[in-house]
Amino acid sequence: MSFEEALNLASRDGAFKATIYAMNTLLIGKGVYTREEFETLFVEWVHKEQRHSRQNERSQDSMPCSA
């Protein structure tokens, strides 16, 4: 299968996931970073997103209702 065929078959989300997979596989394979470094940064990002989401929920809960 060619790249163009794969790109046409993939959904937008699938194409994004395939891009991330390919980029990380290349970068780890070439020694730009290790799998452990990737996993650490992945966990860090998810943790930050969870904190951000909780902060947004709290700020929306404390907003006065418009009646």
N, C-alpha and C. Protein backbone atom coordinates (compact mmCIF):
# COMPACT_ATOMS: atom_id res chain seq x y z
N MET A 1 0.86 -1.17 0.00
CA MET A 1 0.00 0.00 0.00
C MET A 1 0.91 1.24 0.00
N SER A 2 0.55 2.19 -0.79
CA SER A 2 1.33 3.42 -0.84
C SER A 2 0.91 4.36 0.28
N PHE A 3 1.73 5.38 0.53
CA PHE A 3 1.40 6.38 1.53
C PHE A 3 0.09 7.08 1.17
N GLU A 4 -0.07 7.44 -0.10
CA GLU A 4 -1.29 8.13 -0.53
C GLU A 4 -2.52 7.27 -0.31
N GLU A 5 -2.41 5.96 -0.60
CA GLU A 5 -3.55 5.06 -0.38
C GLU A 5 -3.88 4.97 1.11
N ALA A 6 -2.86 4.85 1.93
CA ALA A 6 -3.08 4.77 3.38
C ALA A 6 -3.70 6.06 3.89
N LEU A 7 -3.22 7.19 3.40
CA LEU A 7 -3.76 8.48 3.81
C LEU A 7 -5.23 8.61 3.43
N ASN A 8 -5.59 8.14 2.26
CA ASN A 8 -6.99 8.19 1.81
C ASN A 8 -7.89 7.25 2.62
N LEU A 9 -7.34 6.14 3.08
CA LEU A 9 -8.14 5.17 3.85
C LEU A 9 -8.33 5.60 5.30
N ALA A 10 -7.39 6.34 5.83
CA ALA A 10 -7.42 6.70 7.25
C ALA A 10 -8.40 7.85 7.49
N SER A 11 -9.06 7.78 8.63
CA SER A 11 -9.87 8.92 9.07
C SER A 11 -8.91 10.02 9.50
N ARG A 12 -9.44 11.18 9.77
CA ARG A 12 -8.59 12.29 10.23
C ARG A 12 -7.89 11.90 11.53
N ASP A 13 -8.65 11.31 12.46
CA ASP A 13 -8.09 10.86 13.73
C ASP A 13 -7.07 9.75 13.52
N GLY A 14 -7.39 8.83 12.63
CA GLY A 14 -6.46 7.73 12.32
C GLY A 14 -5.16 8.23 11.71
N ALA A 15 -5.26 9.21 10.82
CA ALA A 15 -4.07 9.78 10.20
C ALA A 15 -3.20 10.49 11.24
N PHE A 16 -3.84 11.18 12.17
CA PHE A 16 -3.09 11.84 13.24
C PHE A 16 -2.36 10.80 14.10
N LYS A 17 -3.08 9.74 14.49
CA LYS A 17 -2.47 8.69 15.30
C LYS A 17 -1.32 8.01 14.56
N ALA A 18 -1.50 7.77 13.28
CA ALA A 18 -0.44 7.15 12.48
C ALA A 18 0.78 8.05 12.39
N THR A 19 0.56 9.35 12.29
CA THR A 19 1.66 10.31 12.25
C THR A 19 2.44 10.29 13.55
N ILE A 20 1.74 10.31 14.66
CA ILE A 20 2.40 10.28 15.97
C ILE A 20 3.17 8.96 16.13
N TYR A 21 2.56 7.86 15.75
CA TYR A 21 3.22 6.56 15.84
C TYR A 21 4.51 6.55 15.01
N ALA A 22 4.42 7.01 13.78
CA ALA A 22 5.59 7.01 12.90
C ALA A 22 6.69 7.92 13.43
N MET A 23 6.31 9.10 13.88
CA MET A 23 7.31 10.05 14.39
C MET A 23 8.00 9.50 15.63
N ASN A 24 7.24 8.98 16.56
CA ASN A 24 7.83 8.45 17.79
C ASN A 24 8.69 7.23 17.51
N THR A 25 8.25 6.36 16.61
CA THR A 25 9.03 5.18 16.26
C THR A 25 10.37 5.59 15.66
N LEU A 26 10.35 6.57 14.76
CA LEU A 26 11.60 7.05 14.17
C LEU A 26 12.51 7.71 15.20
N LEU A 27 11.95 8.58 16.02
CA LEU A 27 12.76 9.29 17.00
C LEU A 27 13.37 8.36 18.04
N ILE A 28 12.62 7.38 18.51
CA ILE A 28 13.15 6.41 19.46
C ILE A 28 14.18 5.53 18.76
N GLY A 29 13.87 5.08 17.55
CA GLY A 29 14.79 4.23 16.80
C GLY A 29 16.12 4.90 16.48
N LYS A 30 16.09 6.21 16.25
CA LYS A 30 17.31 6.95 15.95
C LYS A 30 18.03 7.44 17.20
N GLY A 31 17.46 7.15 18.36
CA GLY A 31 18.10 7.51 19.62
C GLY A 31 17.95 8.96 20.01
N VAL A 32 17.01 9.66 19.41
CA VAL A 32 16.77 11.06 19.78
C VAL A 32 16.27 11.13 21.22
N TYR A 33 15.41 10.19 21.59
CA TYR A 33 15.01 10.03 22.97
C TYR A 33 14.67 8.57 23.21
N THR A 34 14.61 8.20 24.49
CA THR A 34 14.32 6.81 24.84
C THR A 34 12.83 6.62 25.06
N ARG A 35 12.43 5.38 25.08
CA ARG A 35 11.04 5.05 25.38
C ARG A 35 10.68 5.56 26.78
N GLU A 36 11.59 5.44 27.72
CA GLU A 36 11.35 5.90 29.08
C GLU A 36 11.13 7.42 29.11
N GLU A 37 11.94 8.17 28.35
CA GLU A 37 11.76 9.62 28.28
C GLU A 37 10.40 9.96 27.68
N PHE A 38 10.02 9.24 26.62
CA PHE A 38 8.70 9.46 26.01
C PHE A 38 7.59 9.21 27.02
N GLU A 39 7.68 8.08 27.73
CA GLU A 39 6.64 7.72 28.68
C GLU A 39 6.55 8.74 29.82
N THR A 40 7.69 9.24 30.28
CA THR A 40 7.70 10.25 31.34
C THR A 40 6.99 11.51 30.87
N LEU A 41 7.30 11.97 29.66
CA LEU A 41 6.67 13.18 29.13
C LEU A 41 5.19 12.96 28.85
N PHE A 42 4.82 11.78 28.42
CA PHE A 42 3.42 11.44 28.19
C PHE A 42 2.64 11.55 29.49
N VAL A 43 3.15 10.93 30.56
CA VAL A 43 2.49 10.97 31.86
C VAL A 43 2.41 12.41 32.35
N GLU A 44 3.48 13.18 32.17
CA GLU A 44 3.49 14.59 32.58
C GLU A 44 2.38 15.38 31.88
N TRP A 45 2.22 15.17 30.57
CA TRP A 45 1.20 15.89 29.81
C TRP A 45 -0.20 15.53 30.29
N VAL A 46 -0.45 14.22 30.50
CA VAL A 46 -1.78 13.79 30.95
C VAL A 46 -2.06 14.38 32.33
N HIS A 47 -1.07 14.38 33.21
CA HIS A 47 -1.25 14.95 34.55
C HIS A 47 -1.60 16.43 34.47
N LYS A 48 -0.89 17.18 33.63
CA LYS A 48 -1.18 18.61 33.46
C LYS A 48 -2.59 18.82 32.91
N GLU A 49 -3.00 18.01 31.95
CA GLU A 49 -4.35 18.13 31.37
C GLU A 49 -5.42 17.85 32.41
N GLN A 50 -5.19 16.86 33.28
CA GLN A 50 -6.16 16.56 34.34
C GLN A 50 -6.29 17.73 35.30
N ARG A 51 -5.16 18.32 35.70
CA ARG A 51 -5.20 19.49 36.59
C ARG A 51 -5.94 20.64 35.92
N HIS A 52 -5.64 20.88 34.65
CA HIS A 52 -6.28 21.96 33.90
C HIS A 52 -7.80 21.73 33.83
N SER A 53 -8.19 20.50 33.57
CA SER A 53 -9.61 20.16 33.47
C SER A 53 -10.31 20.37 34.81
N ARG A 54 -9.67 19.97 35.90
CA ARG A 54 -10.27 20.16 37.23
C ARG A 54 -10.39 21.65 37.56
N GLN A 55 -9.39 22.44 37.18
CA GLN A 55 -9.45 23.88 37.43
C GLN A 55 -10.59 24.52 36.65
N ASN A 56 -10.78 24.09 35.41
CA ASN A 56 -11.89 24.62 34.60
C ASN A 56 -13.23 24.25 35.20
N GLU A 57 -13.35 23.02 35.69
CA GLU A 57 -14.61 22.59 36.30
C GLU A 57 -14.91 23.41 37.54
N ARG A 58 -13.89 23.68 38.36
CA ARG A 58 -14.08 24.47 39.57
C ARG A 58 -14.46 25.90 39.24
N SER A 59 -13.83 26.48 38.23
CA SER A 59 -14.15 27.87 37.90
C SER A 59 -15.55 27.97 37.33
N GLN A 60 -16.03 26.96 36.62
CA GLN A 60 -17.40 26.99 36.09
C GLN A 60 -18.41 26.79 37.22
N ASP A 61 -18.05 25.97 38.22
CA ASP A 61 -18.95 25.74 39.35
C ASP A 61 -19.10 26.99 40.21
N SER A 62 -18.06 27.83 40.25
CA SER A 62 -18.11 29.01 41.11
C SER A 62 -18.69 30.23 40.40
N MET A 63 -19.00 30.11 39.10
CA MET A 63 -19.57 31.23 38.36
C MET A 63 -21.03 31.40 38.76
N PRO A 64 -21.45 32.63 38.96
CA PRO A 64 -22.87 32.86 39.30
C PRO A 64 -23.77 32.48 38.12
N CYS A 65 -24.92 31.96 38.45
CA CYS A 65 -25.89 31.60 37.42
C CYS A 65 -26.57 32.85 36.89
N SER A 66 -26.78 32.89 35.61
CA SER A 66 -27.53 34.01 35.04
C SER A 66 -28.98 33.61 34.93
N ALA A 67 -29.82 34.33 35.64
CA ALA A 67 -31.24 33.97 35.67
C ALA A 67 -32.05 34.94 34.88
